[in-house]
Amino acid sequence: MSRTDLIADAFTIIRNAMMAKKENVDFPASNTLKAIMEILKKENYIENFKLIEDKKQGVVRVYLKYIANKPAIRNIKRVSRPGLRVYAKSLKLPLVLRGRGLAIVSTSKGIITDKEARDLKVGGEIIGYIW
């Protein structure tokens, strides 16, 4: 089975694991997913993540975070997808839950949060929302 959207698959795996109160989850690695997991760790949505090497492309193991027995990630949503790309200019970047959430943006400066993109005054592709 070939996967066309690794990011959507990873977001679904995380969403399902949070509902099932899992400690950690594994999914296939990619450079984009590594950058997204670094942002989630920096913004305290996950405890940690680790790269596990195998004979293929590698595996990302994500250790999920719970606060008072509730998941730190309330929801994680894919916005731009292979069939419909969503782009935004720096002045039109979305505010997720009026600034309480986080939008992940792929820019010419790399994969960064919406706040960092506003500070750098760059736009790009909206990868997803997290709150």
N, C-alpha and C. Protein backbone atom coordinates (compact mmCIF):
# COMPACT_ATOMS: atom_id res chain seq x y z
N MET A 1 0.84 -1.18 0.00
CA MET A 1 0.00 0.00 0.00
C MET A 1 0.88 1.24 0.00
N SER A 2 0.68 2.10 -0.95
CA SER A 2 1.48 3.33 -1.00
C SER A 2 0.71 4.44 -0.30
N ARG A 3 1.46 5.25 0.38
CA ARG A 3 0.87 6.37 1.10
C ARG A 3 1.13 7.64 0.31
N THR A 4 0.09 8.41 0.09
CA THR A 4 0.25 9.65 -0.68
C THR A 4 0.40 10.86 0.23
N ASP A 5 -0.12 10.80 1.45
CA ASP A 5 -0.05 11.94 2.35
C ASP A 5 0.42 11.48 3.73
N LEU A 6 1.73 11.47 3.93
CA LEU A 6 2.31 11.02 5.19
C LEU A 6 1.92 11.92 6.36
N ILE A 7 1.77 13.22 6.09
CA ILE A 7 1.43 14.15 7.16
C ILE A 7 0.02 13.87 7.69
N ALA A 8 -0.94 13.69 6.79
CA ALA A 8 -2.31 13.38 7.22
C ALA A 8 -2.36 12.06 7.97
N ASP A 9 -1.60 11.07 7.50
CA ASP A 9 -1.55 9.78 8.20
C ASP A 9 -0.98 9.95 9.61
N ALA A 10 0.09 10.73 9.75
CA ALA A 10 0.70 10.95 11.06
C ALA A 10 -0.26 11.69 11.99
N PHE A 11 -0.96 12.71 11.46
CA PHE A 11 -1.92 13.45 12.28
C PHE A 11 -3.05 12.53 12.74
N THR A 12 -3.51 11.63 11.88
CA THR A 12 -4.57 10.70 12.25
C THR A 12 -4.08 9.71 13.30
N ILE A 13 -2.86 9.23 13.15
CA ILE A 13 -2.29 8.31 14.13
C ILE A 13 -2.20 8.98 15.50
N ILE A 14 -1.75 10.24 15.53
CA ILE A 14 -1.64 10.98 16.79
C ILE A 14 -3.03 11.21 17.39
N ARG A 15 -3.99 11.62 16.57
CA ARG A 15 -5.35 11.89 17.04
C ARG A 15 -5.97 10.63 17.65
N ASN A 16 -5.83 9.49 16.96
CA ASN A 16 -6.39 8.23 17.47
C ASN A 16 -5.68 7.77 18.74
N ALA A 17 -4.37 7.95 18.81
CA ALA A 17 -3.62 7.54 20.00
C ALA A 17 -4.00 8.39 21.21
N MET A 18 -4.25 9.67 20.99
CA MET A 18 -4.67 10.53 22.10
C MET A 18 -6.03 10.09 22.66
N MET A 19 -6.95 9.72 21.76
CA MET A 19 -8.27 9.26 22.21
C MET A 19 -8.15 7.93 22.96
N ALA A 20 -7.20 7.10 22.56
CA ALA A 20 -7.00 5.81 23.22
C ALA A 20 -6.05 5.90 24.41
N LYS A 21 -5.56 7.11 24.72
CA LYS A 21 -4.65 7.36 25.84
C LYS A 21 -3.37 6.52 25.76
N LYS A 22 -2.79 6.44 24.58
CA LYS A 22 -1.54 5.71 24.38
C LYS A 22 -0.37 6.54 24.91
N GLU A 23 0.70 5.85 25.30
CA GLU A 23 1.92 6.52 25.78
C GLU A 23 2.73 7.07 24.62
N ASN A 24 2.88 6.25 23.56
CA ASN A 24 3.67 6.68 22.40
C ASN A 24 3.10 6.06 21.14
N VAL A 25 3.50 6.64 20.00
CA VAL A 25 3.06 6.14 18.69
C VAL A 25 4.25 6.14 17.74
N ASP A 26 4.17 5.28 16.73
CA ASP A 26 5.20 5.19 15.70
C ASP A 26 4.57 5.42 14.33
N PHE A 27 5.32 6.12 13.46
CA PHE A 27 4.91 6.26 12.08
C PHE A 27 6.14 6.47 11.22
N PRO A 28 6.04 6.24 9.91
CA PRO A 28 7.20 6.37 9.03
C PRO A 28 7.78 7.78 9.04
N ALA A 29 9.09 7.86 8.96
CA ALA A 29 9.78 9.15 9.06
C ALA A 29 9.87 9.85 7.72
N SER A 30 9.90 11.17 7.77
CA SER A 30 10.23 12.01 6.64
C SER A 30 10.78 13.31 7.21
N ASN A 31 11.50 14.06 6.40
CA ASN A 31 12.09 15.31 6.89
C ASN A 31 11.01 16.30 7.31
N THR A 32 9.90 16.32 6.61
CA THR A 32 8.80 17.22 6.97
C THR A 32 8.22 16.84 8.32
N LEU A 33 8.00 15.55 8.55
CA LEU A 33 7.45 15.11 9.83
C LEU A 33 8.42 15.38 10.97
N LYS A 34 9.71 15.24 10.73
CA LYS A 34 10.70 15.56 11.77
C LYS A 34 10.61 17.03 12.16
N ALA A 35 10.48 17.91 11.17
CA ALA A 35 10.37 19.34 11.45
C ALA A 35 9.09 19.67 12.20
N ILE A 36 7.98 19.01 11.84
CA ILE A 36 6.70 19.23 12.52
C ILE A 36 6.80 18.76 13.97
N MET A 37 7.42 17.61 14.21
CA MET A 37 7.56 17.10 15.58
C MET A 37 8.46 18.01 16.42
N GLU A 38 9.47 18.60 15.81
CA GLU A 38 10.31 19.56 16.55
C GLU A 38 9.49 20.77 17.00
N ILE A 39 8.59 21.24 16.13
CA ILE A 39 7.72 22.36 16.50
C ILE A 39 6.78 21.95 17.63
N LEU A 40 6.18 20.76 17.53
CA LEU A 40 5.26 20.30 18.57
C LEU A 40 5.97 20.13 19.91
N LYS A 41 7.21 19.69 19.89
CA LYS A 41 7.98 19.56 21.12
C LYS A 41 8.31 20.93 21.70
N LYS A 42 8.73 21.86 20.82
CA LYS A 42 9.09 23.21 21.27
C LYS A 42 7.88 23.94 21.87
N GLU A 43 6.69 23.69 21.32
CA GLU A 43 5.47 24.35 21.79
C GLU A 43 4.76 23.55 22.89
N ASN A 44 5.40 22.49 23.41
CA ASN A 44 4.90 21.68 24.53
C ASN A 44 3.58 20.96 24.23
N TYR A 45 3.43 20.48 23.00
CA TYR A 45 2.27 19.65 22.67
C TYR A 45 2.60 18.16 22.81
N ILE A 46 3.88 17.80 22.74
CA ILE A 46 4.31 16.41 22.95
C ILE A 46 5.47 16.41 23.94
N GLU A 47 5.68 15.27 24.59
CA GLU A 47 6.79 15.15 25.53
C GLU A 47 8.13 15.14 24.80
N ASN A 48 8.25 14.24 23.83
CA ASN A 48 9.50 14.07 23.11
C ASN A 48 9.24 13.24 21.87
N PHE A 49 10.24 13.18 21.00
CA PHE A 49 10.17 12.27 19.86
C PHE A 49 11.57 11.75 19.61
N LYS A 50 11.62 10.56 18.99
CA LYS A 50 12.89 9.89 18.76
C LYS A 50 12.87 9.27 17.38
N LEU A 51 13.99 9.34 16.69
CA LEU A 51 14.12 8.72 15.38
C LEU A 51 14.71 7.33 15.54
N ILE A 52 14.04 6.33 14.99
CA ILE A 52 14.51 4.95 15.07
C ILE A 52 14.89 4.53 13.66
N GLU A 53 16.12 4.13 13.49
CA GLU A 53 16.61 3.71 12.17
C GLU A 53 16.21 2.26 11.91
N ASP A 54 15.77 2.00 10.70
CA ASP A 54 15.54 0.64 10.25
C ASP A 54 16.13 0.51 8.85
N LYS A 55 15.88 -0.57 8.20
CA LYS A 55 16.48 -0.80 6.87
C LYS A 55 15.84 0.07 5.79
N LYS A 56 14.70 0.69 6.09
CA LYS A 56 13.97 1.48 5.10
C LYS A 56 14.18 2.97 5.35
N GLN A 57 13.09 3.72 5.53
CA GLN A 57 13.18 5.16 5.67
C GLN A 57 13.27 5.62 7.11
N GLY A 58 13.10 4.73 8.06
CA GLY A 58 13.15 5.09 9.48
C GLY A 58 11.76 5.24 10.06
N VAL A 59 11.72 5.35 11.37
CA VAL A 59 10.47 5.46 12.11
C VAL A 59 10.61 6.61 13.10
N VAL A 60 9.55 7.39 13.25
CA VAL A 60 9.50 8.43 14.27
C VAL A 60 8.63 7.91 15.40
N ARG A 61 9.19 7.88 16.61
CA ARG A 61 8.42 7.49 17.79
C ARG A 61 8.13 8.77 18.58
N VAL A 62 6.85 9.04 18.79
CA VAL A 62 6.41 10.25 19.47
C VAL A 62 5.85 9.86 20.83
N TYR A 63 6.36 10.52 21.88
CA TYR A 63 5.87 10.32 23.24
C TYR A 63 4.85 11.40 23.53
N LEU A 64 3.60 10.99 23.71
CA LEU A 64 2.49 11.93 23.85
C LEU A 64 2.45 12.53 25.24
N LYS A 65 1.88 13.73 25.34
CA LYS A 65 1.84 14.47 26.59
C LYS A 65 0.40 14.58 27.08
N TYR A 66 0.22 14.34 28.38
CA TYR A 66 -1.09 14.47 29.00
C TYR A 66 -0.97 15.42 30.19
N ILE A 67 -1.95 16.32 30.35
CA ILE A 67 -1.98 17.26 31.46
C ILE A 67 -3.25 16.97 32.25
N ALA A 68 -3.09 16.59 33.51
CA ALA A 68 -4.22 16.23 34.37
C ALA A 68 -5.08 15.17 33.70
N ASN A 69 -4.43 14.17 33.14
CA ASN A 69 -5.07 13.02 32.48
C ASN A 69 -5.87 13.40 31.23
N LYS A 70 -5.63 14.59 30.69
CA LYS A 70 -6.24 15.01 29.42
C LYS A 70 -5.13 15.27 28.42
N PRO A 71 -5.35 14.95 27.15
CA PRO A 71 -4.29 15.14 26.17
C PRO A 71 -3.93 16.61 25.98
N ALA A 72 -2.65 16.89 25.78
CA ALA A 72 -2.19 18.25 25.52
C ALA A 72 -2.68 18.72 24.16
N ILE A 73 -2.80 17.80 23.21
CA ILE A 73 -3.33 18.13 21.88
C ILE A 73 -4.83 17.85 21.90
N ARG A 74 -5.63 18.91 21.87
CA ARG A 74 -7.09 18.74 21.83
C ARG A 74 -7.53 18.26 20.46
N ASN A 75 -6.94 18.87 19.41
CA ASN A 75 -7.26 18.47 18.05
C ASN A 75 -6.07 18.81 17.16
N ILE A 76 -5.90 18.04 16.12
CA ILE A 76 -4.85 18.27 15.14
C ILE A 76 -5.48 18.04 13.77
N LYS A 77 -5.35 19.02 12.90
CA LYS A 77 -6.10 18.99 11.65
C LYS A 77 -5.20 19.33 10.48
N ARG A 78 -5.29 18.55 9.42
CA ARG A 78 -4.55 18.80 8.18
C ARG A 78 -5.34 19.80 7.36
N VAL A 79 -4.68 20.86 6.88
CA VAL A 79 -5.35 21.89 6.10
C VAL A 79 -5.02 21.73 4.62
N SER A 80 -3.77 21.91 4.26
CA SER A 80 -3.35 21.77 2.87
C SER A 80 -3.10 20.30 2.59
N ARG A 81 -3.64 19.80 1.50
CA ARG A 81 -3.49 18.38 1.18
C ARG A 81 -3.11 18.25 -0.28
N PRO A 82 -2.71 17.07 -0.73
CA PRO A 82 -2.27 16.94 -2.12
C PRO A 82 -3.31 17.36 -3.16
N GLY A 83 -4.58 17.17 -2.89
CA GLY A 83 -5.61 17.55 -3.85
C GLY A 83 -6.02 19.00 -3.79
N LEU A 84 -5.69 19.70 -2.68
CA LEU A 84 -6.08 21.09 -2.52
C LEU A 84 -5.04 21.79 -1.64
N ARG A 85 -4.15 22.49 -2.26
CA ARG A 85 -3.12 23.21 -1.52
C ARG A 85 -3.69 24.53 -1.03
N VAL A 86 -3.31 24.91 0.20
CA VAL A 86 -3.78 26.16 0.80
C VAL A 86 -2.57 27.01 1.12
N TYR A 87 -2.52 28.20 0.52
CA TYR A 87 -1.42 29.12 0.73
C TYR A 87 -1.94 30.40 1.38
N ALA A 88 -1.07 31.09 2.11
CA ALA A 88 -1.45 32.37 2.72
C ALA A 88 -0.25 33.30 2.70
N LYS A 89 -0.53 34.58 2.48
CA LYS A 89 0.52 35.59 2.55
C LYS A 89 0.78 35.92 4.01
N SER A 90 1.87 36.63 4.27
CA SER A 90 2.26 36.89 5.65
C SER A 90 1.22 37.71 6.41
N LEU A 91 0.54 38.61 5.74
CA LEU A 91 -0.47 39.43 6.41
C LEU A 91 -1.80 38.71 6.57
N LYS A 92 -2.00 37.61 5.88
CA LYS A 92 -3.27 36.87 5.92
C LYS A 92 -3.14 35.50 6.60
N LEU A 93 -2.07 35.29 7.37
CA LEU A 93 -1.91 34.02 8.07
C LEU A 93 -3.02 33.84 9.10
N PRO A 94 -3.60 32.65 9.21
CA PRO A 94 -4.74 32.45 10.10
C PRO A 94 -4.34 32.44 11.57
N LEU A 95 -5.26 32.90 12.41
CA LEU A 95 -5.14 32.78 13.86
C LEU A 95 -5.99 31.59 14.29
N VAL A 96 -5.37 30.58 14.85
CA VAL A 96 -6.09 29.38 15.27
C VAL A 96 -6.62 29.63 16.68
N LEU A 97 -7.93 29.54 16.85
CA LEU A 97 -8.60 29.80 18.13
C LEU A 97 -8.17 31.15 18.71
N ARG A 98 -8.16 32.16 17.87
CA ARG A 98 -7.80 33.53 18.25
C ARG A 98 -6.42 33.61 18.90
N GLY A 99 -5.49 32.82 18.41
CA GLY A 99 -4.12 32.86 18.90
C GLY A 99 -3.79 31.82 19.95
N ARG A 100 -4.78 31.07 20.44
CA ARG A 100 -4.49 30.04 21.44
C ARG A 100 -3.95 28.76 20.81
N GLY A 101 -4.29 28.55 19.54
CA GLY A 101 -3.82 27.38 18.82
C GLY A 101 -2.56 27.69 18.04
N LEU A 102 -2.23 26.80 17.15
CA LEU A 102 -0.99 26.91 16.40
C LEU A 102 -1.24 26.47 14.97
N ALA A 103 -0.74 27.26 14.02
CA ALA A 103 -0.77 26.86 12.62
C ALA A 103 0.66 26.56 12.20
N ILE A 104 0.86 25.46 11.50
CA ILE A 104 2.18 25.09 11.00
C ILE A 104 2.24 25.49 9.54
N VAL A 105 3.28 26.26 9.19
CA VAL A 105 3.39 26.84 7.85
C VAL A 105 4.72 26.40 7.23
N SER A 106 4.65 25.96 5.98
CA SER A 106 5.86 25.64 5.22
C SER A 106 6.23 26.87 4.41
N THR A 107 7.38 27.49 4.72
CA THR A 107 7.80 28.72 4.07
C THR A 107 9.15 28.52 3.41
N SER A 108 9.65 29.58 2.82
CA SER A 108 10.99 29.54 2.24
C SER A 108 12.06 29.49 3.33
N LYS A 109 11.69 29.82 4.55
CA LYS A 109 12.61 29.76 5.70
C LYS A 109 12.54 28.42 6.42
N GLY A 110 11.73 27.50 5.92
CA GLY A 110 11.56 26.20 6.54
C GLY A 110 10.16 26.05 7.10
N ILE A 111 9.94 24.98 7.84
CA ILE A 111 8.64 24.74 8.45
C ILE A 111 8.64 25.42 9.82
N ILE A 112 7.74 26.40 9.98
CA ILE A 112 7.71 27.21 11.19
C ILE A 112 6.26 27.41 11.62
N THR A 113 6.07 28.03 12.79
CA THR A 113 4.73 28.33 13.28
C THR A 113 4.22 29.62 12.63
N ASP A 114 2.92 29.85 12.79
CA ASP A 114 2.34 31.07 12.22
C ASP A 114 2.89 32.33 12.88
N LYS A 115 3.21 32.27 14.17
CA LYS A 115 3.76 33.44 14.87
C LYS A 115 5.14 33.79 14.33
N GLU A 116 5.97 32.76 14.13
CA GLU A 116 7.31 33.00 13.58
C GLU A 116 7.22 33.53 12.16
N ALA A 117 6.26 33.03 11.37
CA ALA A 117 6.09 33.49 9.99
C ALA A 117 5.67 34.96 9.97
N ARG A 118 4.82 35.37 10.91
CA ARG A 118 4.43 36.78 10.98
C ARG A 118 5.63 37.65 11.35
N ASP A 119 6.45 37.18 12.30
CA ASP A 119 7.63 37.94 12.70
C ASP A 119 8.62 38.08 11.55
N LEU A 120 8.80 37.01 10.77
CA LEU A 120 9.73 37.04 9.64
C LEU A 120 9.11 37.66 8.39
N LYS A 121 7.79 37.92 8.45
CA LYS A 121 7.05 38.50 7.32
C LYS A 121 7.16 37.63 6.07
N VAL A 122 6.91 36.33 6.25
CA VAL A 122 6.88 35.40 5.12
C VAL A 122 5.57 34.61 5.15
N GLY A 123 5.08 34.28 3.99
CA GLY A 123 3.90 33.45 3.86
C GLY A 123 4.30 32.08 3.36
N GLY A 124 3.32 31.23 3.13
CA GLY A 124 3.63 29.90 2.62
C GLY A 124 2.42 29.00 2.67
N GLU A 125 2.68 27.72 2.60
CA GLU A 125 1.62 26.71 2.59
C GLU A 125 1.23 26.37 4.02
N ILE A 126 -0.08 26.40 4.31
CA ILE A 126 -0.59 26.06 5.63
C ILE A 126 -0.66 24.53 5.73
N ILE A 127 0.20 23.93 6.53
CA ILE A 127 0.22 22.47 6.65
C ILE A 127 -0.92 21.98 7.53
N GLY A 128 -1.09 22.59 8.71
CA GLY A 128 -2.14 22.12 9.59
C GLY A 128 -2.35 23.02 10.78
N TYR A 129 -3.42 22.73 11.54
CA TYR A 129 -3.77 23.46 12.77
C TYR A 129 -3.67 22.51 13.95
N ILE A 130 -3.23 23.05 15.09
CA ILE A 130 -3.14 22.26 16.32
C ILE A 130 -3.65 23.13 17.47
N TRP A 131 -4.50 22.55 18.29
CA TRP A 131 -4.93 23.24 19.51
C TRP A 131 -5.26 22.24 20.56
